[in-house]
Amino acid sequence: MHSDIPQKSIQLRMNLEKSEKAVTTAAESYEPSVVARYLISLCTDFNKFYQECPILKEENESIKIARLQLVNVASQIIKDATALLGMECPEEM
């Protein structure tokens, strides 16, 4: 991993990769709490990423695009996970 990539970006990306396993585990074990715990973990990592890594103020265009992609993927996974739990997700905060 590159030392110039903020740790919070790496941490968020790694957590995003766990979404499918969380849903599969929850379904196989009939435990929706697995998805709820994953969602809390993902939102915590996203908040840390958002606080540490400027997105729209980033001057390097390729870094800005990469961060926007992380935001888009995280947003979709959060929406999907909340829907699986029967909850509605606000469009903006």
PDB file of N, CA and C in Angstrom:
ATOM      1  N   MET A   1       0.846  -1.180   0.000  1.00  0.00           N
ATOM      2  CA  MET A   1       0.000   0.000   0.000  1.00  0.00           C
ATOM      3  C   MET A   1       0.891   1.243   0.000  1.00  0.00           C
ATOM      4  N   HIS A   2       0.397   2.279  -0.612  1.00  0.00           N
ATOM      5  CA  HIS A   2       1.170   3.504  -0.713  1.00  0.00           C
ATOM      6  C   HIS A   2       1.067   4.311   0.569  1.00  0.00           C
ATOM      7  N   SER A   3       2.199   4.894   0.962  1.00  0.00           N
ATOM      8  CA  SER A   3       2.204   5.674   2.191  1.00  0.00           C
ATOM      9  C   SER A   3       1.475   7.000   2.034  1.00  0.00           C
ATOM     10  N   ASP A   4       1.247   7.445   0.787  1.00  0.00           N
ATOM     11  CA  ASP A   4       0.550   8.709   0.574  1.00  0.00           C
ATOM     12  C   ASP A   4      -0.966   8.558   0.563  1.00  0.00           C
ATOM     13  N   ILE A   5      -1.472   7.336   0.653  1.00  0.00           N
ATOM     14  CA  ILE A   5      -2.913   7.108   0.732  1.00  0.00           C
ATOM     15  C   ILE A   5      -3.312   7.157   2.204  1.00  0.00           C
ATOM     16  N   PRO A   6      -4.229   8.042   2.580  1.00  0.00           N
ATOM     17  CA  PRO A   6      -4.627   8.132   3.982  1.00  0.00           C
ATOM     18  C   PRO A   6      -5.174   6.796   4.504  1.00  0.00           C
ATOM     19  N   GLN A   7      -4.805   6.472   5.715  1.00  0.00           N
ATOM     20  CA  GLN A   7      -5.230   5.218   6.334  1.00  0.00           C
ATOM     21  C   GLN A   7      -6.758   5.104   6.360  1.00  0.00           C
ATOM     22  N   LYS A   8      -7.451   6.202   6.532  1.00  0.00           N
ATOM     23  CA  LYS A   8      -8.916   6.162   6.592  1.00  0.00           C
ATOM     24  C   LYS A   8      -9.520   5.751   5.252  1.00  0.00           C
ATOM     25  N   SER A   9      -8.869   6.093   4.145  1.00  0.00           N
ATOM     26  CA  SER A   9      -9.340   5.654   2.826  1.00  0.00           C
ATOM     27  C   SER A   9      -9.192   4.149   2.686  1.00  0.00           C
ATOM     28  N   ILE A  10      -8.059   3.646   3.122  1.00  0.00           N
ATOM     29  CA  ILE A  10      -7.792   2.213   3.050  1.00  0.00           C
ATOM     30  C   ILE A  10      -8.765   1.454   3.932  1.00  0.00           C
ATOM     31  N   GLN A  11      -8.964   1.958   5.135  1.00  0.00           N
ATOM     32  CA  GLN A  11      -9.868   1.316   6.093  1.00  0.00           C
ATOM     33  C   GLN A  11     -11.295   1.264   5.547  1.00  0.00           C
ATOM     34  N   LEU A  12     -11.758   2.354   4.957  1.00  0.00           N
ATOM     35  CA  LEU A  12     -13.110   2.391   4.390  1.00  0.00           C
ATOM     36  C   LEU A  12     -13.220   1.398   3.236  1.00  0.00           C
ATOM     37  N   ARG A  13     -12.245   1.383   2.362  1.00  0.00           N
ATOM     38  CA  ARG A  13     -12.289   0.463   1.212  1.00  0.00           C
ATOM     39  C   ARG A  13     -12.334  -0.986   1.673  1.00  0.00           C
ATOM     40  N   MET A  14     -11.538  -1.320   2.668  1.00  0.00           N
ATOM     41  CA  MET A  14     -11.526  -2.683   3.186  1.00  0.00           C
ATOM     42  C   MET A  14     -12.887  -3.047   3.788  1.00  0.00           C
ATOM     43  N   ASN A  15     -13.509  -2.099   4.460  1.00  0.00           N
ATOM     44  CA  ASN A  15     -14.819  -2.352   5.054  1.00  0.00           C
ATOM     45  C   ASN A  15     -15.887  -2.512   3.973  1.00  0.00           C
ATOM     46  N   LEU A  16     -15.789  -1.734   2.911  1.00  0.00           N
ATOM     47  CA  LEU A  16     -16.752  -1.850   1.816  1.00  0.00           C
ATOM     48  C   LEU A  16     -16.723  -3.254   1.208  1.00  0.00           C
ATOM     49  N   GLU A  17     -15.552  -3.852   1.180  1.00  0.00           N
ATOM     50  CA  GLU A  17     -15.401  -5.186   0.604  1.00  0.00           C
ATOM     51  C   GLU A  17     -16.055  -6.276   1.458  1.00  0.00           C
ATOM     52  N   LYS A  18     -16.429  -5.953   2.681  1.00  0.00           N
ATOM     53  CA  LYS A  18     -17.040  -6.932   3.583  1.00  0.00           C
ATOM     54  C   LYS A  18     -18.562  -6.985   3.472  1.00  0.00           C
ATOM     55  N   SER A  19     -19.156  -6.144   2.655  1.00  0.00           N
ATOM     56  CA  SER A  19     -20.615  -6.040   2.619  1.00  0.00           C
ATOM     57  C   SER A  19     -21.289  -7.339   2.176  1.00  0.00           C
ATOM     58  N   GLU A  20     -20.787  -7.946   1.132  1.00  0.00           N
ATOM     59  CA  GLU A  20     -21.416  -9.167   0.627  1.00  0.00           C
ATOM     60  C   GLU A  20     -21.358 -10.288   1.660  1.00  0.00           C
ATOM     61  N   LYS A  21     -20.235 -10.409   2.332  1.00  0.00           N
ATOM     62  CA  LYS A  21     -20.089 -11.445   3.358  1.00  0.00           C
ATOM     63  C   LYS A  21     -21.050 -11.196   4.526  1.00  0.00           C
ATOM     64  N   ALA A  22     -21.216  -9.935   4.908  1.00  0.00           N
ATOM     65  CA  ALA A  22     -22.132  -9.610   6.002  1.00  0.00           C
ATOM     66  C   ALA A  22     -23.560 -10.013   5.647  1.00  0.00           C
ATOM     67  N   VAL A  23     -23.981  -9.707   4.429  1.00  0.00           N
ATOM     68  CA  VAL A  23     -25.343 -10.042   3.997  1.00  0.00           C
ATOM     69  C   VAL A  23     -25.515 -11.559   3.895  1.00  0.00           C
ATOM     70  N   THR A  24     -24.538 -12.225   3.332  1.00  0.00           N
ATOM     71  CA  THR A  24     -24.603 -13.685   3.195  1.00  0.00           C
ATOM     72  C   THR A  24     -24.657 -14.362   4.562  1.00  0.00           C
ATOM     73  N   THR A  25     -23.809 -13.930   5.466  1.00  0.00           N
ATOM     74  CA  THR A  25     -23.786 -14.499   6.821  1.00  0.00           C
ATOM     75  C   THR A  25     -25.120 -14.268   7.526  1.00  0.00           C
ATOM     76  N   ALA A  26     -25.657 -13.064   7.396  1.00  0.00           N
ATOM     77  CA  ALA A  26     -26.945 -12.747   8.021  1.00  0.00           C
ATOM     78  C   ALA A  26     -28.050 -13.635   7.471  1.00  0.00           C
ATOM     79  N   ALA A  27     -28.053 -13.842   6.171  1.00  0.00           N
ATOM     80  CA  ALA A  27     -29.098 -14.655   5.540  1.00  0.00           C
ATOM     81  C   ALA A  27     -28.968 -16.124   5.938  1.00  0.00           C
ATOM     82  N   GLU A  28     -27.754 -16.638   5.922  1.00  0.00           N
ATOM     83  CA  GLU A  28     -27.538 -18.053   6.240  1.00  0.00           C
ATOM     84  C   GLU A  28     -27.824 -18.370   7.701  1.00  0.00           C
ATOM     85  N   SER A  29     -27.578 -17.413   8.580  1.00  0.00           N
ATOM     86  CA  SER A  29     -27.764 -17.659  10.015  1.00  0.00           C
ATOM     87  C   SER A  29     -29.083 -17.087  10.545  1.00  0.00           C
ATOM     88  N   TYR A  30     -29.878 -16.482   9.646  1.00  0.00           N
ATOM     89  CA  TYR A  30     -31.147 -15.844  10.053  1.00  0.00           C
ATOM     90  C   TYR A  30     -30.921 -14.835  11.180  1.00  0.00           C
ATOM     91  N   GLU A  31     -29.833 -14.055  11.045  1.00  0.00           N
ATOM     92  CA  GLU A  31     -29.495 -13.047  12.048  1.00  0.00           C
ATOM     93  C   GLU A  31     -29.317 -11.681  11.381  1.00  0.00           C
ATOM     94  N   PRO A  32     -30.388 -10.894  11.286  1.00  0.00           N
ATOM     95  CA  PRO A  32     -30.252  -9.570  10.677  1.00  0.00           C
ATOM     96  C   PRO A  32     -29.321  -8.647  11.458  1.00  0.00           C
ATOM     97  N   SER A  33     -29.033  -8.997  12.700  1.00  0.00           N
ATOM     98  CA  SER A  33     -28.128  -8.163  13.495  1.00  0.00           C
ATOM     99  C   SER A  33     -26.724  -8.127  12.891  1.00  0.00           C
ATOM    100  N   VAL A  34     -26.371  -9.144  12.098  1.00  0.00           N
ATOM    101  CA  VAL A  34     -25.071  -9.133  11.424  1.00  0.00           C
ATOM    102  C   VAL A  34     -24.999  -7.934  10.472  1.00  0.00           C
ATOM    103  N   VAL A  35     -26.076  -7.698   9.745  1.00  0.00           N
ATOM    104  CA  VAL A  35     -26.125  -6.550   8.829  1.00  0.00           C
ATOM    105  C   VAL A  35     -26.120  -5.248   9.634  1.00  0.00           C
ATOM    106  N   ALA A  36     -26.844  -5.214  10.731  1.00  0.00           N
ATOM    107  CA  ALA A  36     -26.894  -4.001  11.564  1.00  0.00           C
ATOM    108  C   ALA A  36     -25.510  -3.665  12.112  1.00  0.00           C
ATOM    109  N   ARG A  37     -24.796  -4.669  12.603  1.00  0.00           N
ATOM    110  CA  ARG A  37     -23.445  -4.425  13.135  1.00  0.00           C
ATOM    111  C   ARG A  37     -22.491  -3.984  12.023  1.00  0.00           C
ATOM    112  N   TYR A  38     -22.622  -4.612  10.856  1.00  0.00           N
ATOM    113  CA  TYR A  38     -21.799  -4.203   9.715  1.00  0.00           C
ATOM    114  C   TYR A  38     -22.103  -2.752   9.337  1.00  0.00           C
ATOM    115  N   LEU A  39     -23.365  -2.393   9.305  1.00  0.00           N
ATOM    116  CA  LEU A  39     -23.769  -1.039   8.945  1.00  0.00           C
ATOM    117  C   LEU A  39     -23.194  -0.011   9.920  1.00  0.00           C
ATOM    118  N   ILE A  40     -23.216  -0.315  11.197  1.00  0.00           N
ATOM    119  CA  ILE A  40     -22.623   0.589  12.198  1.00  0.00           C
ATOM    120  C   ILE A  40     -21.130   0.746  11.940  1.00  0.00           C
ATOM    121  N   SER A  41     -20.458  -0.366  11.684  1.00  0.00           N
ATOM    122  CA  SER A  41     -19.021  -0.332  11.414  1.00  0.00           C
ATOM    123  C   SER A  41     -18.712   0.480  10.152  1.00  0.00           C
ATOM    124  N   LEU A  42     -19.491   0.258   9.107  1.00  0.00           N
ATOM    125  CA  LEU A  42     -19.285   0.982   7.855  1.00  0.00           C
ATOM    126  C   LEU A  42     -19.517   2.479   8.040  1.00  0.00           C
ATOM    127  N   CYS A  43     -20.581   2.840   8.719  1.00  0.00           N
ATOM    128  CA  CYS A  43     -20.878   4.263   8.935  1.00  0.00           C
ATOM    129  C   CYS A  43     -19.807   4.925   9.795  1.00  0.00           C
ATOM    130  N   THR A  44     -19.277   4.197  10.756  1.00  0.00           N
ATOM    131  CA  THR A  44     -18.190   4.725  11.587  1.00  0.00           C
ATOM    132  C   THR A  44     -16.953   4.990  10.733  1.00  0.00           C
ATOM    133  N   ASP A  45     -16.584   4.011   9.898  1.00  0.00           N
ATOM    134  CA  ASP A  45     -15.423   4.192   9.023  1.00  0.00           C
ATOM    135  C   ASP A  45     -15.652   5.305   8.010  1.00  0.00           C
ATOM    136  N   PHE A  46     -16.874   5.395   7.482  1.00  0.00           N
ATOM    137  CA  PHE A  46     -17.166   6.458   6.520  1.00  0.00           C
ATOM    138  C   PHE A  46     -17.035   7.830   7.178  1.00  0.00           C
ATOM    139  N   ASN A  47     -17.536   7.964   8.396  1.00  0.00           N
ATOM    140  CA  ASN A  47     -17.443   9.238   9.106  1.00  0.00           C
ATOM    141  C   ASN A  47     -15.981   9.637   9.313  1.00  0.00           C
ATOM    142  N   LYS A  48     -15.152   8.689   9.708  1.00  0.00           N
ATOM    143  CA  LYS A  48     -13.720   8.970   9.900  1.00  0.00           C
ATOM    144  C   LYS A  48     -13.072   9.379   8.579  1.00  0.00           C
ATOM    145  N   PHE A  49     -13.398   8.673   7.513  1.00  0.00           N
ATOM    146  CA  PHE A  49     -12.884   9.001   6.180  1.00  0.00           C
ATOM    147  C   PHE A  49     -13.311  10.415   5.789  1.00  0.00           C
ATOM    148  N   TYR A  50     -14.581  10.729   5.966  1.00  0.00           N
ATOM    149  CA  TYR A  50     -15.119  12.028   5.565  1.00  0.00           C
ATOM    150  C   TYR A  50     -14.466  13.169   6.335  1.00  0.00           C
ATOM    151  N   GLN A  51     -14.159  12.930   7.611  1.00  0.00           N
ATOM    152  CA  GLN A  51     -13.522  13.956   8.439  1.00  0.00           C
ATOM    153  C   GLN A  51     -12.060  14.176   8.055  1.00  0.00           C
ATOM    154  N   GLU A  52     -11.377  13.107   7.672  1.00  0.00           N
ATOM    155  CA  GLU A  52      -9.938  13.185   7.428  1.00  0.00           C
ATOM    156  C   GLU A  52      -9.569  13.503   5.978  1.00  0.00           C
ATOM    157  N   CYS A  53     -10.397  13.121   5.046  1.00  0.00           N
ATOM    158  CA  CYS A  53     -10.039  13.213   3.628  1.00  0.00           C
ATOM    159  C   CYS A  53     -10.932  14.203   2.897  1.00  0.00           C
ATOM    160  N   PRO A  54     -10.411  15.390   2.602  1.00  0.00           N
ATOM    161  CA  PRO A  54     -11.230  16.351   1.856  1.00  0.00           C
ATOM    162  C   PRO A  54     -11.568  15.792   0.477  1.00  0.00           C
ATOM    163  N   ILE A  55     -12.771  16.052   0.053  1.00  0.00           N
ATOM    164  CA  ILE A  55     -13.190  15.499  -1.235  1.00  0.00           C
ATOM    165  C   ILE A  55     -13.270  16.614  -2.273  1.00  0.00           C
ATOM    166  N   LEU A  56     -14.214  17.494  -2.142  1.00  0.00           N
ATOM    167  CA  LEU A  56     -14.395  18.544  -3.146  1.00  0.00           C
ATOM    168  C   LEU A  56     -13.277  19.593  -3.106  1.00  0.00           C
ATOM    169  N   LYS A  57     -12.601  19.727  -1.969  1.00  0.00           N
ATOM    170  CA  LYS A  57     -11.497  20.687  -1.859  1.00  0.00           C
ATOM    171  C   LYS A  57     -10.164  20.100  -2.307  1.00  0.00           C
ATOM    172  N   GLU A  58     -10.154  18.802  -2.603  1.00  0.00           N
ATOM    173  CA  GLU A  58      -8.922  18.152  -3.054  1.00  0.00           C
ATOM    174  C   GLU A  58      -8.492  18.734  -4.396  1.00  0.00           C
ATOM    175  N   GLU A  59      -7.233  19.147  -4.482  1.00  0.00           N
ATOM    176  CA  GLU A  59      -6.724  19.763  -5.708  1.00  0.00           C
ATOM    177  C   GLU A  59      -6.337  18.737  -6.766  1.00  0.00           C
ATOM    178  N   ASN A  60      -5.884  17.575  -6.353  1.00  0.00           N
ATOM    179  CA  ASN A  60      -5.496  16.527  -7.289  1.00  0.00           C
ATOM    180  C   ASN A  60      -6.765  15.856  -7.819  1.00  0.00           C
ATOM    181  N   GLU A  61      -6.997  16.008  -9.108  1.00  0.00           N
ATOM    182  CA  GLU A  61      -8.247  15.542  -9.717  1.00  0.00           C
ATOM    183  C   GLU A  61      -8.418  14.027  -9.602  1.00  0.00           C
ATOM    184  N   SER A  62      -7.362  13.264  -9.775  1.00  0.00           N
ATOM    185  CA  SER A  62      -7.491  11.803  -9.694  1.00  0.00           C
ATOM    186  C   SER A  62      -7.807  11.354  -8.274  1.00  0.00           C
ATOM    187  N   ILE A  63      -7.253  12.023  -7.279  1.00  0.00           N
ATOM    188  CA  ILE A  63      -7.577  11.699  -5.885  1.00  0.00           C
ATOM    189  C   ILE A  63      -9.026  12.068  -5.603  1.00  0.00           C
ATOM    190  N   LYS A  64      -9.453  13.227  -6.100  1.00  0.00           N
ATOM    191  CA  LYS A  64     -10.840  13.653  -5.910  1.00  0.00           C
ATOM    192  C   LYS A  64     -11.806  12.632  -6.506  1.00  0.00           C
ATOM    193  N   ILE A  65     -11.524  12.165  -7.709  1.00  0.00           N
ATOM    194  CA  ILE A  65     -12.391  11.181  -8.371  1.00  0.00           C
ATOM    195  C   ILE A  65     -12.413   9.878  -7.588  1.00  0.00           C
ATOM    196  N   ALA A  66     -11.257   9.424  -7.117  1.00  0.00           N
ATOM    197  CA  ALA A  66     -11.191   8.184  -6.335  1.00  0.00           C
ATOM    198  C   ALA A  66     -12.004   8.309  -5.055  1.00  0.00           C
ATOM    199  N   ARG A  67     -11.912   9.452  -4.400  1.00  0.00           N
ATOM    200  CA  ARG A  67     -12.671   9.666  -3.154  1.00  0.00           C
ATOM    201  C   ARG A  67     -14.171   9.739  -3.434  1.00  0.00           C
ATOM    202  N   LEU A  68     -14.550  10.369  -4.533  1.00  0.00           N
ATOM    203  CA  LEU A  68     -15.967  10.424  -4.901  1.00  0.00           C
ATOM    204  C   LEU A  68     -16.506   9.024  -5.204  1.00  0.00           C
ATOM    205  N   GLN A  69     -15.683   8.189  -5.805  1.00  0.00           N
ATOM    206  CA  GLN A  69     -16.095   6.815  -6.067  1.00  0.00           C
ATOM    207  C   GLN A  69     -16.303   6.055  -4.761  1.00  0.00           C
ATOM    208  N   LEU A  70     -15.413   6.257  -3.788  1.00  0.00           N
ATOM    209  CA  LEU A  70     -15.595   5.627  -2.481  1.00  0.00           C
ATOM    210  C   LEU A  70     -16.907   6.083  -1.842  1.00  0.00           C
ATOM    211  N   VAL A  71     -17.192   7.372  -1.943  1.00  0.00           N
ATOM    212  CA  VAL A  71     -18.439   7.915  -1.386  1.00  0.00           C
ATOM    213  C   VAL A  71     -19.645   7.292  -2.070  1.00  0.00           C
ATOM    214  N   ASN A  72     -19.604   7.168  -3.385  1.00  0.00           N
ATOM    215  CA  ASN A  72     -20.732   6.596  -4.127  1.00  0.00           C
ATOM    216  C   ASN A  72     -20.964   5.135  -3.744  1.00  0.00           C
ATOM    217  N   VAL A  73     -19.894   4.366  -3.648  1.00  0.00           N
ATOM    218  CA  VAL A  73     -20.032   2.954  -3.273  1.00  0.00           C
ATOM    219  C   VAL A  73     -20.548   2.842  -1.837  1.00  0.00           C
ATOM    220  N   ALA A  74     -19.974   3.622  -0.930  1.00  0.00           N
ATOM    221  CA  ALA A  74     -20.422   3.582   0.469  1.00  0.00           C
ATOM    222  C   ALA A  74     -21.893   3.970   0.570  1.00  0.00           C
ATOM    223  N   SER A  75     -22.290   4.997  -0.157  1.00  0.00           N
ATOM    224  CA  SER A  75     -23.676   5.453  -0.135  1.00  0.00           C
ATOM    225  C   SER A  75     -24.633   4.354  -0.592  1.00  0.00           C
ATOM    226  N   GLN A  76     -24.282   3.667  -1.664  1.00  0.00           N
ATOM    227  CA  GLN A  76     -25.146   2.610  -2.180  1.00  0.00           C
ATOM    228  C   GLN A  76     -25.234   1.440  -1.200  1.00  0.00           C
ATOM    229  N   ILE A  77     -24.110   1.065  -0.621  1.00  0.00           N
ATOM    230  CA  ILE A  77     -24.119  -0.044   0.336  1.00  0.00           C
ATOM    231  C   ILE A  77     -24.922   0.323   1.579  1.00  0.00           C
ATOM    232  N   ILE A  78     -24.797   1.550   2.049  1.00  0.00           N
ATOM    233  CA  ILE A  78     -25.571   1.998   3.215  1.00  0.00           C
ATOM    234  C   ILE A  78     -27.066   1.976   2.890  1.00  0.00           C
ATOM    235  N   LYS A  79     -27.445   2.452   1.709  1.00  0.00           N
ATOM    236  CA  LYS A  79     -28.852   2.424   1.307  1.00  0.00           C
ATOM    237  C   LYS A  79     -29.373   0.995   1.233  1.00  0.00           C
ATOM    238  N   ASP A  80     -28.581   0.110   0.630  1.00  0.00           N
ATOM    239  CA  ASP A  80     -28.999  -1.288   0.491  1.00  0.00           C
ATOM    240  C   ASP A  80     -29.127  -1.968   1.854  1.00  0.00           C
ATOM    241  N   ALA A  81     -28.164  -1.725   2.730  1.00  0.00           N
ATOM    242  CA  ALA A  81     -28.182  -2.362   4.052  1.00  0.00           C
ATOM    243  C   ALA A  81     -29.353  -1.860   4.894  1.00  0.00           C
ATOM    244  N   THR A  82     -29.626  -0.566   4.833  1.00  0.00           N
ATOM    245  CA  THR A  82     -30.762  -0.052   5.605  1.00  0.00           C
ATOM    246  C   THR A  82     -32.076  -0.606   5.051  1.00  0.00           C
ATOM    247  N   ALA A  83     -32.155  -0.752   3.741  1.00  0.00           N
ATOM    248  CA  ALA A  83     -33.365  -1.330   3.136  1.00  0.00           C
ATOM    249  C   ALA A  83     -33.543  -2.782   3.574  1.00  0.00           C
ATOM    250  N   LEU A  84     -32.459  -3.541   3.634  1.00  0.00           N
ATOM    251  CA  LEU A  84     -32.543  -4.931   4.102  1.00  0.00           C
ATOM    252  C   LEU A  84     -33.072  -5.012   5.533  1.00  0.00           C
ATOM    253  N   LEU A  85     -32.757  -3.988   6.312  1.00  0.00           N
ATOM    254  CA  LEU A  85     -33.213  -3.947   7.701  1.00  0.00           C
ATOM    255  C   LEU A  85     -34.602  -3.316   7.838  1.00  0.00           C
ATOM    256  N   GLY A  86     -35.206  -2.943   6.706  1.00  0.00           N
ATOM    257  CA  GLY A  86     -36.546  -2.363   6.730  1.00  0.00           C
ATOM    258  C   GLY A  86     -36.575  -0.905   7.138  1.00  0.00           C
ATOM    259  N   MET A  87     -35.450  -0.227   6.965  1.00  0.00           N
ATOM    260  CA  MET A  87     -35.347   1.168   7.352  1.00  0.00           C
ATOM    261  C   MET A  87     -35.206   2.036   6.100  1.00  0.00           C
ATOM    262  N   GLU A  88     -35.579   3.283   6.228  1.00  0.00           N
ATOM    263  CA  GLU A  88     -35.369   4.238   5.154  1.00  0.00           C
ATOM    264  C   GLU A  88     -34.115   5.042   5.447  1.00  0.00           C
ATOM    265  N   CYS A  89     -33.394   5.346   4.406  1.00  0.00           N
ATOM    266  CA  CYS A  89     -32.147   6.099   4.537  1.00  0.00           C
ATOM    267  C   CYS A  89     -32.390   7.537   4.050  1.00  0.00           C
ATOM    268  N   PRO A  90     -32.023   8.534   4.827  1.00  0.00           N
ATOM    269  CA  PRO A  90     -32.209   9.920   4.357  1.00  0.00           C
ATOM    270  C   PRO A  90     -31.347  10.189   3.134  1.00  0.00           C
ATOM    271  N   GLU A  91     -31.834  11.001   2.232  1.00  0.00           N
ATOM    272  CA  GLU A  91     -31.076  11.336   1.024  1.00  0.00           C
ATOM    273  C   GLU A  91     -29.895  12.249   1.320  1.00  0.00           C
ATOM    274  N   GLU A  92     -30.054  13.131   2.305  1.00  0.00           N
ATOM    275  CA  GLU A  92     -28.937  13.995   2.698  1.00  0.00           C
ATOM    276  C   GLU A  92     -29.058  14.352   4.161  1.00  0.00           C
ATOM    277  N   MET A  93     -27.928  14.755   4.700  1.00  0.00           N
ATOM    278  CA  MET A  93     -27.896  15.114   6.131  1.00  0.00           C
ATOM    279  C   MET A  93     -27.279  16.477   6.293  1.00  0.00           C
TER     280      MET A  93
END
